[in-house]
C-alpha atoms as a PDB file:
ATOM      1  CA  MET A   1     -10.575  25.017 -25.411  1.00  0.00           C
ATOM      2  CA  ASP A   2      -9.965  27.142 -28.513  1.00  0.00           C
ATOM      3  CA  LEU A   3     -13.028  26.982 -30.770  1.00  0.00           C
ATOM      4  CA  GLN A   4     -11.089  27.623 -33.986  1.00  0.00           C
ATOM      5  CA  ALA A   5      -8.583  24.900 -33.158  1.00  0.00           C
ATOM      6  CA  LEU A   6     -11.428  22.524 -32.371  1.00  0.00           C
ATOM      7  CA  THR A   7     -13.131  23.427 -35.667  1.00  0.00           C
ATOM      8  CA  ASP A   8      -9.921  22.780 -37.594  1.00  0.00           C
ATOM      9  CA  PHE A   9      -9.469  19.429 -35.857  1.00  0.00           C
ATOM     10  CA  ALA A  10     -13.056  18.521 -36.818  1.00  0.00           C
ATOM     11  CA  LEU A  11     -12.297  19.393 -40.463  1.00  0.00           C
ATOM     12  CA  VAL A  12      -9.258  17.124 -40.507  1.00  0.00           C
ATOM     13  CA  ALA A  13     -11.086  14.295 -38.707  1.00  0.00           C
ATOM     14  CA  THR A  14     -14.121  14.519 -40.971  1.00  0.00           C
ATOM     15  CA  HIS A  15     -12.166  14.549 -44.237  1.00  0.00           C
ATOM     16  CA  GLY A  16      -9.528  12.040 -43.152  1.00  0.00           C
ATOM     17  CA  GLY A  17      -6.454  14.151 -43.750  1.00  0.00           C
ATOM     18  CA  PHE A  18      -4.914  17.607 -43.785  1.00  0.00           C
ATOM     19  CA  GLY A  19      -4.803  17.774 -47.588  1.00  0.00           C
ATOM     20  CA  ARG A  20      -8.466  16.973 -48.130  1.00  0.00           C
ATOM     21  CA  ALA A  21      -9.497  19.238 -45.245  1.00  0.00           C
ATOM     22  CA  SER A  22      -7.479  22.034 -46.816  1.00  0.00           C
ATOM     23  CA  ARG A  23      -9.117  21.574 -50.228  1.00  0.00           C
ATOM     24  CA  MET A  24     -12.620  21.480 -48.735  1.00  0.00           C
ATOM     25  CA  SER A  25     -12.184  24.470 -46.407  1.00  0.00           C
ATOM     26  CA  GLY A  26      -9.752  26.700 -48.258  1.00  0.00           C
ATOM     27  CA  ARG A  27      -7.485  26.811 -45.182  1.00  0.00           C
ATOM     28  CA  SER A  28      -3.811  25.963 -45.659  1.00  0.00           C
ATOM     29  CA  LYS A  29      -2.418  22.617 -44.565  1.00  0.00           C
ATOM     30  CA  ALA A  30       0.181  24.383 -42.436  1.00  0.00           C
ATOM     31  CA  THR A  31      -2.488  26.350 -40.573  1.00  0.00           C
ATOM     32  CA  LEU A  32      -4.585  23.261 -39.968  1.00  0.00           C
ATOM     33  CA  SER A  33      -1.576  21.289 -38.726  1.00  0.00           C
ATOM     34  CA  ARG A  34      -0.532  24.110 -36.393  1.00  0.00           C
ATOM     35  CA  ARG A  35      -4.031  24.485 -34.950  1.00  0.00           C
ATOM     36  CA  VAL A  36      -4.388  20.760 -34.309  1.00  0.00           C
ATOM     37  CA  ALA A  37      -0.974  20.673 -32.641  1.00  0.00           C
ATOM     38  CA  GLU A  38      -1.996  23.605 -30.409  1.00  0.00           C
ATOM     39  CA  LEU A  39      -5.184  21.752 -29.447  1.00  0.00           C
ATOM     40  CA  GLU A  40      -3.201  18.619 -28.595  1.00  0.00           C
ATOM     41  CA  ARG A  41      -0.834  20.645 -26.382  1.00  0.00           C
ATOM     42  CA  SER A  42      -3.721  22.371 -24.595  1.00  0.00           C
ATOM     43  CA  LEU A  43      -5.428  19.026 -23.875  1.00  0.00           C
ATOM     44  CA  GLY A  44      -2.237  17.129 -23.088  1.00  0.00           C
ATOM     45  CA  VAL A  45      -3.115  14.213 -25.368  1.00  0.00           C
ATOM     46  CA  ARG A  46      -2.351  13.171 -28.922  1.00  0.00           C
ATOM     47  CA  LEU A  47      -5.458  13.333 -31.113  1.00  0.00           C
ATOM     48  CA  ILE A  48      -4.032  12.239 -34.475  1.00  0.00           C
ATOM     49  CA  GLU A  49      -1.410   9.641 -35.406  1.00  0.00           C
ATOM     50  CA  ARG A  50       0.451  11.031 -38.398  1.00  0.00           C
ATOM     51  CA  GLY A  51       1.953   8.493 -40.806  1.00  0.00           C
ATOM     52  CA  GLY A  52       3.822   8.900 -44.058  1.00  0.00           C
ATOM     53  CA  GLN A  53       0.800   8.380 -46.276  1.00  0.00           C
ATOM     54  CA  SER A  54      -2.048   8.089 -43.816  1.00  0.00           C
ATOM     55  CA  LEU A  55      -3.710   9.723 -40.836  1.00  0.00           C
ATOM     56  CA  ARG A  56      -5.503   7.977 -38.003  1.00  0.00           C
ATOM     57  CA  LEU A  57      -7.419   9.312 -35.023  1.00  0.00           C
ATOM     58  CA  THR A  58      -6.275   8.104 -31.628  1.00  0.00           C
ATOM     59  CA  ASP A  59      -8.874   6.825 -29.185  1.00  0.00           C
ATOM     60  CA  GLU A  60      -8.877  10.274 -27.561  1.00  0.00           C
ATOM     61  CA  GLY A  61      -9.207  11.958 -30.946  1.00  0.00           C
ATOM     62  CA  ARG A  62     -12.096   9.711 -31.949  1.00  0.00           C
ATOM     63  CA  ALA A  63     -13.884  10.392 -28.653  1.00  0.00           C
ATOM     64  CA  LEU A  64     -13.428  14.158 -29.020  1.00  0.00           C
ATOM     65  CA  HIS A  65     -14.690  14.112 -32.609  1.00  0.00           C
ATOM     66  CA  GLU A  66     -17.798  12.084 -31.720  1.00  0.00           C
ATOM     67  CA  ARG A  67     -18.663  14.366 -28.789  1.00  0.00           C
ATOM     68  CA  THR A  68     -18.136  17.698 -30.586  1.00  0.00           C
ATOM     69  CA  ARG A  69     -19.243  17.306 -34.208  1.00  0.00           C
ATOM     70  CA  GLY A  70     -22.922  17.815 -33.345  1.00  0.00           C
ATOM     71  CA  PRO A  71     -22.374  21.009 -31.289  1.00  0.00           C
ATOM     72  CA  LEU A  72     -19.963  22.358 -33.924  1.00  0.00           C
ATOM     73  CA  ALA A  73     -22.596  21.818 -36.621  1.00  0.00           C
ATOM     74  CA  ASP A  74     -25.107  23.678 -34.448  1.00  0.00           C
ATOM     75  CA  ILE A  75     -22.714  26.604 -34.034  1.00  0.00           C
ATOM     76  CA  ALA A  76     -22.052  26.757 -37.772  1.00  0.00           C
ATOM     77  CA  GLU A  77     -25.774  26.630 -38.509  1.00  0.00           C
ATOM     78  CA  ALA A  78     -26.473  29.364 -35.961  1.00  0.00           C
ATOM     79  CA  GLY A  79     -23.866  31.533 -37.665  1.00  0.00           C
ATOM     80  CA  GLU A  80     -25.514  30.865 -41.009  1.00  0.00           C
ATOM     81  CA  VAL A  81     -28.892  31.957 -39.657  1.00  0.00           C
ATOM     82  CA  VAL A  82     -27.445  35.192 -38.252  1.00  0.00           C
ATOM     83  CA  THR A  83     -25.222  36.193 -41.144  1.00  0.00           C
ATOM     84  CA  LEU A  84     -27.573  35.224 -43.947  1.00  0.00           C
ATOM     85  CA  GLY A  85     -30.870  36.059 -42.308  1.00  0.00           C
ATOM     86  CA  ALA A  86     -31.913  32.410 -42.722  1.00  0.00           C
ATOM     87  CA  SER A  87     -32.573  33.094 -46.397  1.00  0.00           C
ATOM     88  CA  VAL A  88     -29.753  31.584 -48.469  1.00  0.00           C
ATOM     89  CA  PRO A  89     -29.460  27.768 -48.517  1.00  0.00           C
ATOM     90  CA  ARG A  90     -25.807  26.745 -48.369  1.00  0.00           C
ATOM     91  CA  GLY A  91     -23.508  24.166 -46.871  1.00  0.00           C
ATOM     92  CA  ARG A  92     -23.596  20.392 -46.656  1.00  0.00           C
ATOM     93  CA  LEU A  93     -26.975  18.622 -46.438  1.00  0.00           C
ATOM     94  CA  ARG A  94     -27.154  14.865 -45.757  1.00  0.00           C
ATOM     95  CA  VAL A  95     -30.464  13.027 -46.146  1.00  0.00           C
ATOM     96  CA  SER A  96     -31.198   9.369 -45.368  1.00  0.00           C
ATOM     97  CA  ALA A  97     -34.137   7.834 -47.253  1.00  0.00           C
ATOM     98  CA  PRO A  98     -35.723   4.396 -47.775  1.00  0.00           C
ATOM     99  CA  LEU A  99     -34.542   2.558 -50.862  1.00  0.00           C
ATOM    100  CA  VAL A 100     -37.853   2.572 -52.735  1.00  0.00           C
ATOM    101  CA  LEU A 101     -38.592   6.265 -52.215  1.00  0.00           C
ATOM    102  CA  ALA A 102     -35.005   7.213 -53.019  1.00  0.00           C
ATOM    103  CA  HIS A 103     -34.883   5.262 -56.284  1.00  0.00           C
ATOM    104  CA  VAL A 104     -38.389   6.117 -57.467  1.00  0.00           C
ATOM    105  CA  ALA A 105     -38.538   9.817 -56.635  1.00  0.00           C
ATOM    106  CA  LEU A 106     -35.609  11.338 -54.791  1.00  0.00           C
ATOM    107  CA  ALA A 107     -33.097  11.232 -57.640  1.00  0.00           C
ATOM    108  CA  ARG A 108     -35.293  13.698 -59.533  1.00  0.00           C
ATOM    109  CA  VAL A 109     -36.000  15.717 -56.378  1.00  0.00           C
ATOM    110  CA  GLY A 110     -32.276  15.855 -55.633  1.00  0.00           C
ATOM    111  CA  ALA A 111     -31.387  16.915 -59.172  1.00  0.00           C
ATOM    112  CA  ARG A 112     -33.926  19.748 -59.169  1.00  0.00           C
ATOM    113  CA  PHE A 113     -32.760  20.819 -55.717  1.00  0.00           C
ATOM    114  CA  ALA A 114     -29.116  20.884 -56.825  1.00  0.00           C
ATOM    115  CA  LEU A 115     -30.008  23.116 -59.763  1.00  0.00           C
ATOM    116  CA  SER A 116     -32.075  25.515 -57.649  1.00  0.00           C
ATOM    117  CA  CYS A 117     -29.694  25.600 -54.639  1.00  0.00           C
ATOM    118  CA  PRO A 118     -26.175  25.459 -56.115  1.00  0.00           C
ATOM    119  CA  GLU A 119     -24.514  26.476 -52.828  1.00  0.00           C
ATOM    120  CA  VAL A 120     -25.797  23.341 -51.061  1.00  0.00           C
ATOM    121  CA  GLN A 121     -23.786  20.129 -51.261  1.00  0.00           C
ATOM    122  CA  LEU A 122     -26.613  17.581 -51.112  1.00  0.00           C
ATOM    123  CA  GLU A 123     -26.012  13.903 -50.355  1.00  0.00           C
ATOM    124  CA  ILE A 124     -28.930  11.447 -50.385  1.00  0.00           C
ATOM    125  CA  VAL A 125     -28.124   8.040 -48.887  1.00  0.00           C
ATOM    126  CA  ALA A 126     -30.568   5.294 -49.914  1.00  0.00           C
ATOM    127  CA  GLU A 127     -30.868   2.603 -47.242  1.00  0.00           C
ATOM    128  CA  ASP A 128     -33.554   0.840 -45.242  1.00  0.00           C
ATOM    129  CA  ARG A 129     -31.431   0.839 -42.077  1.00  0.00           C
ATOM    130  CA  LYS A 130     -32.903   2.957 -39.254  1.00  0.00           C
ATOM    131  CA  VAL A 131     -30.215   5.592 -38.875  1.00  0.00           C
ATOM    132  CA  ASP A 132     -29.686   8.012 -36.000  1.00  0.00           C
ATOM    133  CA  PRO A 133     -29.570  11.619 -37.276  1.00  0.00           C
ATOM    134  CA  VAL A 134     -27.009  12.678 -34.683  1.00  0.00           C
ATOM    135  CA  ASP A 135     -24.736   9.627 -34.497  1.00  0.00           C
ATOM    136  CA  ASP A 136     -24.808   9.033 -38.269  1.00  0.00           C
ATOM    137  CA  GLY A 137     -24.500  12.696 -39.228  1.00  0.00           C
ATOM    138  CA  PHE A 138     -27.765  13.287 -41.113  1.00  0.00           C
ATOM    139  CA  ASP A 139     -29.655  16.573 -41.303  1.00  0.00           C
ATOM    140  CA  LEU A 140     -32.880  14.808 -42.311  1.00  0.00           C
ATOM    141  CA  VAL A 141     -34.065  11.213 -42.154  1.00  0.00           C
ATOM    142  CA  ILE A 142     -37.087  10.089 -44.164  1.00  0.00           C
ATOM    143  CA  ARG A 143     -38.984   7.262 -42.503  1.00  0.00           C
ATOM    144  CA  VAL A 144     -42.031   5.162 -43.274  1.00  0.00           C
ATOM    145  CA  ASP A 145     -44.588   4.951 -40.447  1.00  0.00           C
ATOM    146  CA  PRO A 146     -42.090   6.209 -37.832  1.00  0.00           C
ATOM    147  CA  SER A 147     -42.559   5.486 -34.152  1.00  0.00           C
ATOM    148  CA  ARG A 148     -42.673   8.381 -31.735  1.00  0.00           C
ATOM    149  CA  ASP A 149     -39.231   9.677 -30.832  1.00  0.00           C
ATOM    150  CA  GLU A 150     -38.921  12.602 -28.430  1.00  0.00           C
ATOM    151  CA  ARG A 151     -35.662  13.677 -30.065  1.00  0.00           C
ATOM    152  CA  LEU A 152     -37.140  13.951 -33.560  1.00  0.00           C
ATOM    153  CA  VAL A 153     -39.593  16.410 -35.087  1.00  0.00           C
ATOM    154  CA  GLY A 154     -40.583  16.889 -38.676  1.00  0.00           C
ATOM    155  CA  ARG A 155     -43.090  17.070 -41.422  1.00  0.00           C
ATOM    156  CA  ARG A 156     -45.482  14.478 -42.801  1.00  0.00           C
ATOM    157  CA  VAL A 157     -44.721  14.763 -46.493  1.00  0.00           C
ATOM    158  CA  LEU A 158     -46.589  11.903 -48.109  1.00  0.00           C
ATOM    159  CA  ASP A 159     -49.225   9.228 -47.666  1.00  0.00           C
ATOM    160  CA  ASP A 160     -48.983   6.099 -49.772  1.00  0.00           C
ATOM    161  CA  GLN A 161     -51.171   3.029 -50.249  1.00  0.00           C
ATOM    162  CA  ARG A 162     -50.265  -0.615 -50.496  1.00  0.00           C
ATOM    163  CA  VAL A 163     -51.799  -2.204 -53.589  1.00  0.00           C
ATOM    164  CA  VAL A 164     -52.093  -5.760 -54.901  1.00  0.00           C
ATOM    165  CA  VAL A 165     -50.835  -5.883 -58.485  1.00  0.00           C
ATOM    166  CA  ALA A 166     -49.990  -8.456 -61.137  1.00  0.00           C
ATOM    167  CA  HIS A 167     -49.183  -8.749 -64.829  1.00  0.00           C
ATOM    168  CA  PRO A 168     -52.338  -8.032 -66.897  1.00  0.00           C
ATOM    169  CA  GLU A 169     -52.383 -11.634 -68.172  1.00  0.00           C
ATOM    170  CA  PHE A 170     -52.126 -13.084 -64.671  1.00  0.00           C
ATOM    171  CA  ALA A 171     -55.535 -14.389 -63.564  1.00  0.00           C
ATOM    172  CA  MET A 172     -57.096 -12.584 -60.619  1.00  0.00           C
ATOM    173  CA  PRO A 173     -58.971 -14.882 -58.196  1.00  0.00           C
ATOM    174  CA  ALA A 174     -62.673 -14.381 -57.632  1.00  0.00           C
ATOM    175  CA  PRO A 175     -63.450 -12.375 -54.458  1.00  0.00           C
ATOM    176  CA  ARG A 176     -63.924 -14.395 -51.280  1.00  0.00           C
ATOM    177  CA  PHE A 177     -65.266 -13.051 -48.030  1.00  0.00           C
ATOM    178  CA  LYS A 178     -64.672 -15.859 -45.500  1.00  0.00           C
ATOM    179  CA  ASP A 179     -61.274 -17.015 -44.318  1.00  0.00           C
ATOM    180  CA  ALA A 180     -62.193 -20.623 -45.039  1.00  0.00           C
ATOM    181  CA  ASP A 181     -62.734 -19.744 -48.689  1.00  0.00           C
ATOM    182  CA  VAL A 182     -59.610 -17.649 -49.217  1.00  0.00           C
ATOM    183  CA  PRO A 183     -58.030 -18.695 -52.527  1.00  0.00           C
ATOM    184  CA  GLU A 184     -54.320 -19.254 -52.914  1.00  0.00           C
ATOM    185  CA  VAL A 185     -52.465 -17.153 -55.457  1.00  0.00           C
ATOM    186  CA  LYS A 186     -48.963 -17.472 -56.873  1.00  0.00           C
ATOM    187  CA  ALA A 187     -46.964 -14.529 -55.503  1.00  0.00           C
ATOM    188  CA  VAL A 188     -43.649 -12.717 -55.367  1.00  0.00           C
ATOM    189  CA  LEU A 189     -42.893 -11.889 -51.727  1.00  0.00           C
ATOM    190  CA  PRO A 190     -40.297  -9.908 -49.775  1.00  0.00           C
ATOM    191  CA  SER A 191     -37.811 -12.193 -48.032  1.00  0.00           C
ATOM    192  CA  ARG A 192     -39.080 -11.563 -44.491  1.00  0.00           C
ATOM    193  CA  THR A 193     -42.791 -12.049 -45.151  1.00  0.00           C
ATOM    194  CA  ALA A 194     -44.690 -13.985 -42.476  1.00  0.00           C
ATOM    195  CA  PRO A 195     -45.634 -17.521 -43.575  1.00  0.00           C
ATOM    196  CA  ASP A 196     -49.332 -17.168 -42.650  1.00  0.00           C
ATOM    197  CA  LEU A 197     -49.885 -13.935 -44.566  1.00  0.00           C
ATOM    198  CA  VAL A 198     -53.305 -13.184 -46.070  1.00  0.00           C
ATOM    199  CA  TRP A 199     -53.825 -10.197 -48.360  1.00  0.00           C
ATOM    200  CA  ARG A 200     -57.034  -8.283 -47.643  1.00  0.00           C
ATOM    201  CA  TYR A 201     -57.907  -5.633 -50.170  1.00  0.00           C
ATOM    202  CA  ARG A 202     -60.759  -3.664 -51.672  1.00  0.00           C
ATOM    203  CA  THR A 203     -61.316  -4.509 -55.306  1.00  0.00           C
ATOM    204  CA  GLN A 204     -61.692  -1.989 -58.097  1.00  0.00           C
ATOM    205  CA  GLN A 205     -65.142  -3.394 -58.893  1.00  0.00           C
ATOM    206  CA  GLY A 206     -67.366  -1.539 -56.462  1.00  0.00           C
ATOM    207  CA  GLY A 207     -64.880  -1.541 -53.598  1.00  0.00           C
ATOM    208  CA  ALA A 208     -65.842  -5.015 -52.385  1.00  0.00           C
ATOM    209  CA  GLU A 209     -63.497  -6.549 -49.824  1.00  0.00           C
ATOM    210  CA  ALA A 210     -61.565  -9.563 -51.043  1.00  0.00           C
ATOM    211  CA  ALA A 211     -58.785 -11.786 -49.761  1.00  0.00           C
ATOM    212  CA  ALA A 212     -56.029 -13.987 -51.164  1.00  0.00           C
ATOM    213  CA  ARG A 213     -53.415 -16.230 -49.588  1.00  0.00           C
ATOM    214  CA  PRO A 214     -50.084 -15.634 -51.357  1.00  0.00           C
ATOM    215  CA  VAL A 215     -48.038 -18.746 -52.105  1.00  0.00           C
ATOM    216  CA  PRO A 216     -44.438 -17.724 -52.815  1.00  0.00           C
ATOM    217  CA  ALA A 217     -43.120 -18.536 -56.250  1.00  0.00           C
ATOM    218  CA  LEU A 218     -40.170 -16.278 -55.524  1.00  0.00           C
ATOM    219  CA  ARG A 219     -38.799 -14.387 -52.507  1.00  0.00           C
ATOM    220  CA  LEU A 220     -36.629 -11.316 -52.957  1.00  0.00           C
ATOM    221  CA  SER A 221     -34.917  -8.977 -50.502  1.00  0.00           C
ATOM    222  CA  SER A 222     -35.863  -5.724 -52.262  1.00  0.00           C
ATOM    223  CA  LEU A 223     -39.242  -4.328 -53.312  1.00  0.00           C
ATOM    224  CA  LEU A 224     -37.543  -3.017 -56.450  1.00  0.00           C
ATOM    225  CA  MET A 225     -36.669  -6.611 -57.331  1.00  0.00           C
ATOM    226  CA  VAL A 226     -40.197  -7.752 -56.475  1.00  0.00           C
ATOM    227  CA  ARG A 227     -41.634  -5.222 -58.941  1.00  0.00           C
ATOM    228  CA  GLU A 228     -39.358  -6.507 -61.728  1.00  0.00           C
ATOM    229  CA  ALA A 229     -40.460 -10.094 -61.142  1.00  0.00           C
ATOM    230  CA  VAL A 230     -44.140  -9.104 -61.157  1.00  0.00           C
ATOM    231  CA  LEU A 231     -43.642  -7.258 -64.445  1.00  0.00           C
ATOM    232  CA  MET A 232     -42.275 -10.514 -65.886  1.00  0.00           C
ATOM    233  CA  GLY A 233     -45.428 -12.390 -64.834  1.00  0.00           C
ATOM    234  CA  VAL A 234     -43.949 -14.500 -62.021  1.00  0.00           C
ATOM    235  CA  GLY A 235     -46.836 -13.748 -59.675  1.00  0.00           C
ATOM    236  CA  ALA A 236     -48.864 -11.101 -57.861  1.00  0.00           C
ATOM    237  CA  ALA A 237     -47.443  -8.825 -55.161  1.00  0.00           C
ATOM    238  CA  LEU A 238     -48.398  -6.290 -52.511  1.00  0.00           C
ATOM    239  CA  LEU A 239     -46.404  -3.144 -53.277  1.00  0.00           C
ATOM    240  CA  PRO A 240     -46.395   0.608 -52.543  1.00  0.00           C
ATOM    241  CA  ARG A 241     -48.512   2.493 -55.064  1.00  0.00           C
ATOM    242  CA  LEU A 242     -45.668   4.991 -55.442  1.00  0.00           C
ATOM    243  CA  LEU A 243     -43.457   2.207 -56.795  1.00  0.00           C
ATOM    244  CA  VAL A 244     -45.947   0.949 -59.412  1.00  0.00           C
ATOM    245  CA  ALA A 245     -47.982   4.080 -60.266  1.00  0.00           C
ATOM    246  CA  ASP A 246     -46.329   4.512 -63.670  1.00  0.00           C
ATOM    247  CA  ASP A 247     -46.727   0.794 -64.465  1.00  0.00           C
ATOM    248  CA  LEU A 248     -50.447   0.921 -63.650  1.00  0.00           C
ATOM    249  CA  GLU A 249     -50.981   4.027 -65.757  1.00  0.00           C
ATOM    250  CA  ALA A 250     -49.122   2.510 -68.698  1.00  0.00           C
ATOM    251  CA  GLY A 251     -50.985  -0.816 -68.432  1.00  0.00           C
ATOM    252  CA  ARG A 252     -47.870  -2.830 -67.649  1.00  0.00           C
ATOM    253  CA  LEU A 253     -49.497  -3.969 -64.403  1.00  0.00           C
ATOM    254  CA  ALA A 254     -53.113  -4.602 -63.406  1.00  0.00           C
ATOM    255  CA  LEU A 255     -54.516  -3.348 -60.108  1.00  0.00           C
ATOM    256  CA  TRP A 256     -56.388  -6.033 -58.162  1.00  0.00           C
ATOM    257  CA  GLY A 257     -57.180  -3.809 -55.202  1.00  0.00           C
ATOM    258  CA  VAL A 258     -56.068  -1.519 -52.381  1.00  0.00           C
ATOM    259  CA  ASP A 259     -54.905  -2.908 -49.035  1.00  0.00           C
ATOM    260  CA  THR A 260     -57.536  -2.486 -46.315  1.00  0.00           C
ATOM    261  CA  ARG A 261     -55.002  -1.322 -43.745  1.00  0.00           C
ATOM    262  CA  PRO A 262     -54.474   2.428 -43.160  1.00  0.00           C
ATOM    263  CA  ALA A 263     -52.326   4.363 -45.593  1.00  0.00           C
ATOM    264  CA  VAL A 264     -48.572   4.430 -45.062  1.00  0.00           C
ATOM    265  CA  GLU A 265     -47.248   7.711 -43.640  1.00  0.00           C
ATOM    266  CA  ILE A 266     -43.899   9.053 -44.800  1.00  0.00           C
ATOM    267  CA  TRP A 267     -42.178  11.659 -42.622  1.00  0.00           C
ATOM    268  CA  ALA A 268     -39.088  13.826 -43.017  1.00  0.00           C
ATOM    269  CA  LEU A 269     -37.571  14.098 -39.533  1.00  0.00           C
ATOM    270  CA  ARG A 270     -34.718  16.007 -37.904  1.00  0.00           C
ATOM    271  CA  ASN A 271     -33.103  16.308 -34.511  1.00  0.00           C
ATOM    272  CA  SER A 272     -35.398  18.443 -32.316  1.00  0.00           C
ATOM    273  CA  ARG A 273     -32.402  20.230 -30.802  1.00  0.00           C
ATOM    274  CA  ARG A 274     -31.005  21.397 -34.123  1.00  0.00           C
ATOM    275  CA  LEU A 275     -31.870  24.740 -35.676  1.00  0.00           C
ATOM    276  CA  VAL A 276     -33.910  24.592 -38.890  1.00  0.00           C
ATOM    277  CA  GLY A 277     -31.560  26.169 -41.416  1.00  0.00           C
ATOM    278  CA  ALA A 278     -32.371  27.493 -44.852  1.00  0.00           C
ATOM    279  CA  LYS A 279     -30.997  24.370 -46.561  1.00  0.00           C
ATOM    280  CA  VAL A 280     -33.313  22.049 -44.598  1.00  0.00           C
ATOM    281  CA  ARG A 281     -36.362  24.222 -45.249  1.00  0.00           C
ATOM    282  CA  ALA A 282     -35.499  24.408 -48.937  1.00  0.00           C
ATOM    283  CA  PHE A 283     -35.262  20.626 -49.225  1.00  0.00           C
ATOM    284  CA  LEU A 284     -38.575  20.131 -47.399  1.00  0.00           C
ATOM    285  CA  ASP A 285     -40.165  22.591 -49.826  1.00  0.00           C
ATOM    286  CA  ALA A 286     -38.692  20.591 -52.725  1.00  0.00           C
ATOM    287  CA  LEU A 287     -40.314  17.430 -51.331  1.00  0.00           C
ATOM    288  CA  GLU A 288     -43.698  19.161 -51.160  1.00  0.00           C
ATOM    289  CA  GLU A 289     -43.370  20.352 -54.747  1.00  0.00           C
ATOM    290  CA  ALA A 290     -42.555  16.797 -55.857  1.00  0.00           C
ATOM    291  CA  PHE A 291     -45.783  15.395 -54.357  1.00  0.00           C
ATOM    292  CA  PRO A 292     -48.379  18.168 -54.861  1.00  0.00           C
ATOM    293  CA  HIS A 293     -51.421  15.891 -54.644  1.00  0.00           C
ATOM    294  CA  ARG A 294     -50.267  13.713 -51.753  1.00  0.00           C
ATOM    295  CA  VAL A 295     -48.536  16.160 -49.453  1.00  0.00           C
ATOM    296  CA  PHE A 296     -49.719  17.429 -46.085  1.00  0.00           C
ATOM    297  CA  ALA A 297     -48.665  21.065 -46.311  1.00  0.00           C
ATOM    298  CA  ASN A 298     -48.028  22.869 -43.031  1.00  0.00           C
ATOM    299  CA  ALA A 299     -48.284  19.591 -41.076  1.00  0.00           C
ATOM    300  CA  THR A 300     -45.453  20.013 -38.590  1.00  0.00           C
ATOM    301  CA  ALA A 301     -45.553  17.804 -35.519  1.00  0.00           C
ATOM    302  CA  LYS A 302     -43.920  14.915 -33.790  1.00  0.00           C
ATOM    303  CA  PRO A 303     -45.054  11.589 -35.225  1.00  0.00           C
ATOM    304  CA  ASP A 304     -47.588   9.850 -32.996  1.00  0.00           C
END
């Protein structure tokens, strides 16, 4: 199978047409069309259905694209390492990140990265769905408290705490230390919160352990929405400190206490079989620079 023809087919399949593939790669439409036709003849199957205004992969074309796009990316990255000495970040970089982290911090990280690495085409996709780096075409996936995955390795970039917060005028219950005495508190909760939830946290006054039973005044599907409701005084909430740090510093929210459970670990992970190119290393360095006081520098391992 001709590697150049396969590469040209991948360009057309990825960009959804000969015209767009030509604009992205700098290769002529005629050359791309000829190479794809040669590949179809060598395989004895049609890979692309060509219409007047549209292009569609056949079942065989879709199967070939799914099976080869990962290896082709590896080959391109290996060439980058050899020709550039692994020193110049360039090419396409796709990153998947949780919604809260993406909205609170990664827009700024991405903007600074784009300015410092102009030859990298960075795309940050904000979603809480657990994506597969290979199947979904991501170079890095950022996950909160990831489970062990033999295919993934990465760097622990941040620890975060869960904190109980409320509007400053919202009354904080007196500390209670026995489950029978746990006070109820009006709360804003994520949609999928368990009905028998009890918040256990260490108060700011001497670190005493306290508890509260949240009674939902409002349920919302996004922590970003929960924060907005808490700012309006609807109720208290258990939220990532990263999300409310600026509000606490500015006095818009009051801190009741820190969750007694272990800190949340945030990892940047990649496929263990992929080479670590300059663009990936550069983005990981940008993450470390963004969190200088909460980063675990040089911590490279599989998540336990």
